[in-house]
């Protein structure tokens, strides 16, 4: 077993490299389970197909090449993101809808923001990067 260590991550949005501005990136499945309960302990469960989101944490950078600025200026756009959690490992490609992150933060701290970008469909597992 070789558990990945999130250090040498590749992360692009619409072919722009934003890996250095992110501190966390996860493609997260969200599945809903419905349970029916009957008499005498009878139950049935059914799970819907997962919908996915790209959950990102990043340092705010409002310069012309900043991820914060890109999200702000392209709100609502559908773009391709590619993440490779480790150098030489497989990549995952997904189409997300952009939404801006927060502006500002606490005193004496780096301004950090989080977003949860909805993914259209399921991320595609690709070849090693």
C-alpha atoms as a PDB file:
ATOM      1  CA  UNK A   1       0.000   0.000   0.000  1.00  0.00           C
ATOM      2  CA  UNK A   2       1.206   3.459  -0.846  1.00  0.00           C
ATOM      3  CA  UNK A   3      -0.976   6.182   0.672  1.00  0.00           C
ATOM      4  CA  UNK A   4      -0.535   9.480  -1.116  1.00  0.00           C
ATOM      5  CA  UNK A   5       1.112  12.400   0.624  1.00  0.00           C
ATOM      6  CA  UNK A   6      -0.299  15.735  -0.514  1.00  0.00           C
ATOM      7  CA  UNK A   7       2.845  17.683  -1.278  1.00  0.00           C
ATOM      8  CA  UNK A   8       3.697  17.789  -4.982  1.00  0.00           C
ATOM      9  CA  UNK A   9       0.161  18.410  -6.206  1.00  0.00           C
ATOM     10  CA  UNK A  10      -0.691  19.547  -9.718  1.00  0.00           C
ATOM     11  CA  UNK A  11      -3.831  21.702  -9.953  1.00  0.00           C
ATOM     12  CA  UNK A  12      -4.973  23.613 -13.030  1.00  0.00           C
ATOM     13  CA  UNK A  13      -8.127  25.568 -13.782  1.00  0.00           C
ATOM     14  CA  UNK A  14      -8.807  26.228 -17.468  1.00  0.00           C
ATOM     15  CA  UNK A  15      -5.107  25.409 -18.089  1.00  0.00           C
ATOM     16  CA  UNK A  16      -3.910  28.000 -15.478  1.00  0.00           C
ATOM     17  CA  UNK A  17      -1.606  26.538 -12.812  1.00  0.00           C
ATOM     18  CA  UNK A  18      -2.899  27.501  -9.352  1.00  0.00           C
ATOM     19  CA  UNK A  19      -1.293  24.731  -7.267  1.00  0.00           C
ATOM     20  CA  UNK A  20       1.005  27.130  -5.376  1.00  0.00           C
ATOM     21  CA  UNK A  21      -2.004  29.155  -4.171  1.00  0.00           C
ATOM     22  CA  UNK A  22      -3.937  26.179  -2.755  1.00  0.00           C
ATOM     23  CA  UNK A  23      -3.441  24.534   0.633  1.00  0.00           C
ATOM     24  CA  UNK A  24      -6.193  21.934   0.211  1.00  0.00           C
ATOM     25  CA  UNK A  25      -7.944  20.357  -2.783  1.00  0.00           C
ATOM     26  CA  UNK A  26     -10.413  17.486  -2.661  1.00  0.00           C
ATOM     27  CA  UNK A  27     -12.906  16.106  -5.160  1.00  0.00           C
ATOM     28  CA  UNK A  28     -15.716  15.066  -2.831  1.00  0.00           C
ATOM     29  CA  UNK A  29     -18.612  12.701  -3.595  1.00  0.00           C
ATOM     30  CA  UNK A  30     -21.938  13.548  -1.978  1.00  0.00           C
ATOM     31  CA  UNK A  31     -24.381  10.614  -1.927  1.00  0.00           C
ATOM     32  CA  UNK A  32     -27.898  10.625  -0.507  1.00  0.00           C
ATOM     33  CA  UNK A  33     -29.329   7.504   1.111  1.00  0.00           C
ATOM     34  CA  UNK A  34     -33.060   7.033   1.527  1.00  0.00           C
ATOM     35  CA  UNK A  35     -34.321   4.627   4.189  1.00  0.00           C
ATOM     36  CA  UNK A  36     -37.785   3.133   4.403  1.00  0.00           C
ATOM     37  CA  UNK A  37     -38.847   1.563   7.697  1.00  0.00           C
ATOM     38  CA  UNK A  38     -41.712  -0.869   8.109  1.00  0.00           C
ATOM     39  CA  UNK A  39     -43.214  -2.821  10.953  1.00  0.00           C
ATOM     40  CA  UNK A  40     -41.233  -5.456  12.876  1.00  0.00           C
ATOM     41  CA  UNK A  41     -37.886  -3.858  12.025  1.00  0.00           C
ATOM     42  CA  UNK A  42     -38.180  -4.241   8.255  1.00  0.00           C
ATOM     43  CA  UNK A  43     -36.064  -1.683   6.388  1.00  0.00           C
ATOM     44  CA  UNK A  44     -34.999  -0.912   2.857  1.00  0.00           C
ATOM     45  CA  UNK A  45     -32.223   1.420   1.794  1.00  0.00           C
ATOM     46  CA  UNK A  46     -31.391   2.962  -1.523  1.00  0.00           C
ATOM     47  CA  UNK A  47     -28.448   5.222  -2.352  1.00  0.00           C
ATOM     48  CA  UNK A  48     -28.578   7.697  -5.216  1.00  0.00           C
ATOM     49  CA  UNK A  49     -25.618   8.169  -7.523  1.00  0.00           C
ATOM     50  CA  UNK A  50     -23.137  10.619  -5.993  1.00  0.00           C
ATOM     51  CA  UNK A  51     -22.901  14.189  -7.109  1.00  0.00           C
ATOM     52  CA  UNK A  52     -19.435  15.718  -6.776  1.00  0.00           C
ATOM     53  CA  UNK A  53     -17.817  18.977  -5.716  1.00  0.00           C
ATOM     54  CA  UNK A  54     -14.304  20.387  -5.846  1.00  0.00           C
ATOM     55  CA  UNK A  55     -13.599  21.596  -2.297  1.00  0.00           C
ATOM     56  CA  UNK A  56     -10.704  24.047  -2.280  1.00  0.00           C
ATOM     57  CA  UNK A  57      -8.855  26.098   0.339  1.00  0.00           C
ATOM     58  CA  UNK A  58      -6.543  28.815  -0.909  1.00  0.00           C
ATOM     59  CA  UNK A  59      -4.647  31.907   0.112  1.00  0.00           C
ATOM     60  CA  UNK A  60      -6.285  35.043  -1.208  1.00  0.00           C
ATOM     61  CA  UNK A  61      -4.333  36.657  -4.023  1.00  0.00           C
ATOM     62  CA  UNK A  62      -6.077  39.512  -5.812  1.00  0.00           C
ATOM     63  CA  UNK A  63      -3.230  40.227  -8.260  1.00  0.00           C
ATOM     64  CA  UNK A  64      -3.751  39.718 -11.972  1.00  0.00           C
ATOM     65  CA  UNK A  65      -2.633  36.060 -11.714  1.00  0.00           C
ATOM     66  CA  UNK A  66      -4.420  35.347  -8.419  1.00  0.00           C
ATOM     67  CA  UNK A  67      -6.861  32.486  -8.006  1.00  0.00           C
ATOM     68  CA  UNK A  68      -9.170  34.698  -5.905  1.00  0.00           C
ATOM     69  CA  UNK A  69      -9.368  37.203  -8.723  1.00  0.00           C
ATOM     70  CA  UNK A  70      -9.901  34.485 -11.344  1.00  0.00           C
ATOM     71  CA  UNK A  71     -12.858  33.051  -9.415  1.00  0.00           C
ATOM     72  CA  UNK A  72     -14.327  36.533  -8.919  1.00  0.00           C
ATOM     73  CA  UNK A  73     -14.005  37.536 -12.581  1.00  0.00           C
ATOM     74  CA  UNK A  74     -15.297  34.210 -13.948  1.00  0.00           C
ATOM     75  CA  UNK A  75     -18.211  33.545 -11.584  1.00  0.00           C
ATOM     76  CA  UNK A  76     -20.711  31.179 -13.209  1.00  0.00           C
ATOM     77  CA  UNK A  77     -18.314  29.973 -15.914  1.00  0.00           C
ATOM     78  CA  UNK A  78     -17.946  26.233 -16.509  1.00  0.00           C
ATOM     79  CA  UNK A  79     -14.264  25.303 -16.799  1.00  0.00           C
ATOM     80  CA  UNK A  80     -12.106  22.211 -16.684  1.00  0.00           C
ATOM     81  CA  UNK A  81     -10.012  21.487 -13.601  1.00  0.00           C
ATOM     82  CA  UNK A  82      -7.266  18.883 -13.422  1.00  0.00           C
ATOM     83  CA  UNK A  83      -5.795  17.624 -10.167  1.00  0.00           C
ATOM     84  CA  UNK A  84      -2.977  15.137  -9.700  1.00  0.00           C
ATOM     85  CA  UNK A  85      -2.658  14.509  -5.944  1.00  0.00           C
ATOM     86  CA  UNK A  86       0.947  13.365  -6.239  1.00  0.00           C
ATOM     87  CA  UNK A  87       3.747  13.745  -8.775  1.00  0.00           C
ATOM     88  CA  UNK A  88       3.815  10.777 -11.130  1.00  0.00           C
ATOM     89  CA  UNK A  89       0.368   9.648  -9.983  1.00  0.00           C
ATOM     90  CA  UNK A  90      -2.940   9.601 -11.833  1.00  0.00           C
ATOM     91  CA  UNK A  91      -4.847  12.774 -12.595  1.00  0.00           C
ATOM     92  CA  UNK A  92      -8.540  13.561 -12.268  1.00  0.00           C
ATOM     93  CA  UNK A  93     -10.357  15.887 -14.670  1.00  0.00           C
ATOM     94  CA  UNK A  94     -13.712  17.528 -13.986  1.00  0.00           C
ATOM     95  CA  UNK A  95     -15.896  20.330 -15.305  1.00  0.00           C
ATOM     96  CA  UNK A  96     -16.797  22.749 -12.492  1.00  0.00           C
ATOM     97  CA  UNK A  97     -18.935  25.863 -12.191  1.00  0.00           C
ATOM     98  CA  UNK A  98     -16.901  28.707 -10.693  1.00  0.00           C
ATOM     99  CA  UNK A  99     -18.003  30.695  -7.669  1.00  0.00           C
ATOM    100  CA  UNK A 100     -15.972  33.377  -5.875  1.00  0.00           C
ATOM    101  CA  UNK A 101     -14.441  32.949  -2.451  1.00  0.00           C
ATOM    102  CA  UNK A 102     -14.519  35.284   0.502  1.00  0.00           C
ATOM    103  CA  UNK A 103     -12.632  38.574   0.741  1.00  0.00           C
ATOM    104  CA  UNK A 104     -10.452  39.385   3.757  1.00  0.00           C
ATOM    105  CA  UNK A 105      -9.969  37.586   7.059  1.00  0.00           C
ATOM    106  CA  UNK A 106      -8.758  37.870  10.633  1.00  0.00           C
ATOM    107  CA  UNK A 107      -6.149  40.173  12.093  1.00  0.00           C
ATOM    108  CA  UNK A 108      -2.480  39.079  12.007  1.00  0.00           C
ATOM    109  CA  UNK A 109      -3.247  36.108   9.766  1.00  0.00           C
ATOM    110  CA  UNK A 110      -2.996  35.174   6.119  1.00  0.00           C
ATOM    111  CA  UNK A 111      -6.286  35.761   4.302  1.00  0.00           C
ATOM    112  CA  UNK A 112      -7.552  32.324   3.350  1.00  0.00           C
ATOM    113  CA  UNK A 113     -10.768  31.321   1.615  1.00  0.00           C
ATOM    114  CA  UNK A 114     -12.668  28.135   0.813  1.00  0.00           C
ATOM    115  CA  UNK A 115     -15.043  27.289  -2.019  1.00  0.00           C
ATOM    116  CA  UNK A 116     -17.059  24.234  -2.948  1.00  0.00           C
ATOM    117  CA  UNK A 117     -17.369  24.173  -6.732  1.00  0.00           C
ATOM    118  CA  UNK A 118     -20.099  21.911  -8.145  1.00  0.00           C
ATOM    119  CA  UNK A 119     -18.840  19.323 -10.613  1.00  0.00           C
ATOM    120  CA  UNK A 120     -20.835  18.460 -13.721  1.00  0.00           C
ATOM    121  CA  UNK A 121     -21.000  14.640 -13.600  1.00  0.00           C
ATOM    122  CA  UNK A 122     -18.244  12.460 -12.177  1.00  0.00           C
ATOM    123  CA  UNK A 123     -14.500  13.292 -12.326  1.00  0.00           C
ATOM    124  CA  UNK A 124     -12.597  11.270 -14.906  1.00  0.00           C
ATOM    125  CA  UNK A 125      -9.607   9.254 -13.756  1.00  0.00           C
ATOM    126  CA  UNK A 126      -6.712   9.792 -16.162  1.00  0.00           C
ATOM    127  CA  UNK A 127      -3.141   8.793 -16.738  1.00  0.00           C
ATOM    128  CA  UNK A 128      -0.177   9.748 -14.576  1.00  0.00           C
ATOM    129  CA  UNK A 129       1.037  13.323 -14.878  1.00  0.00           C
END
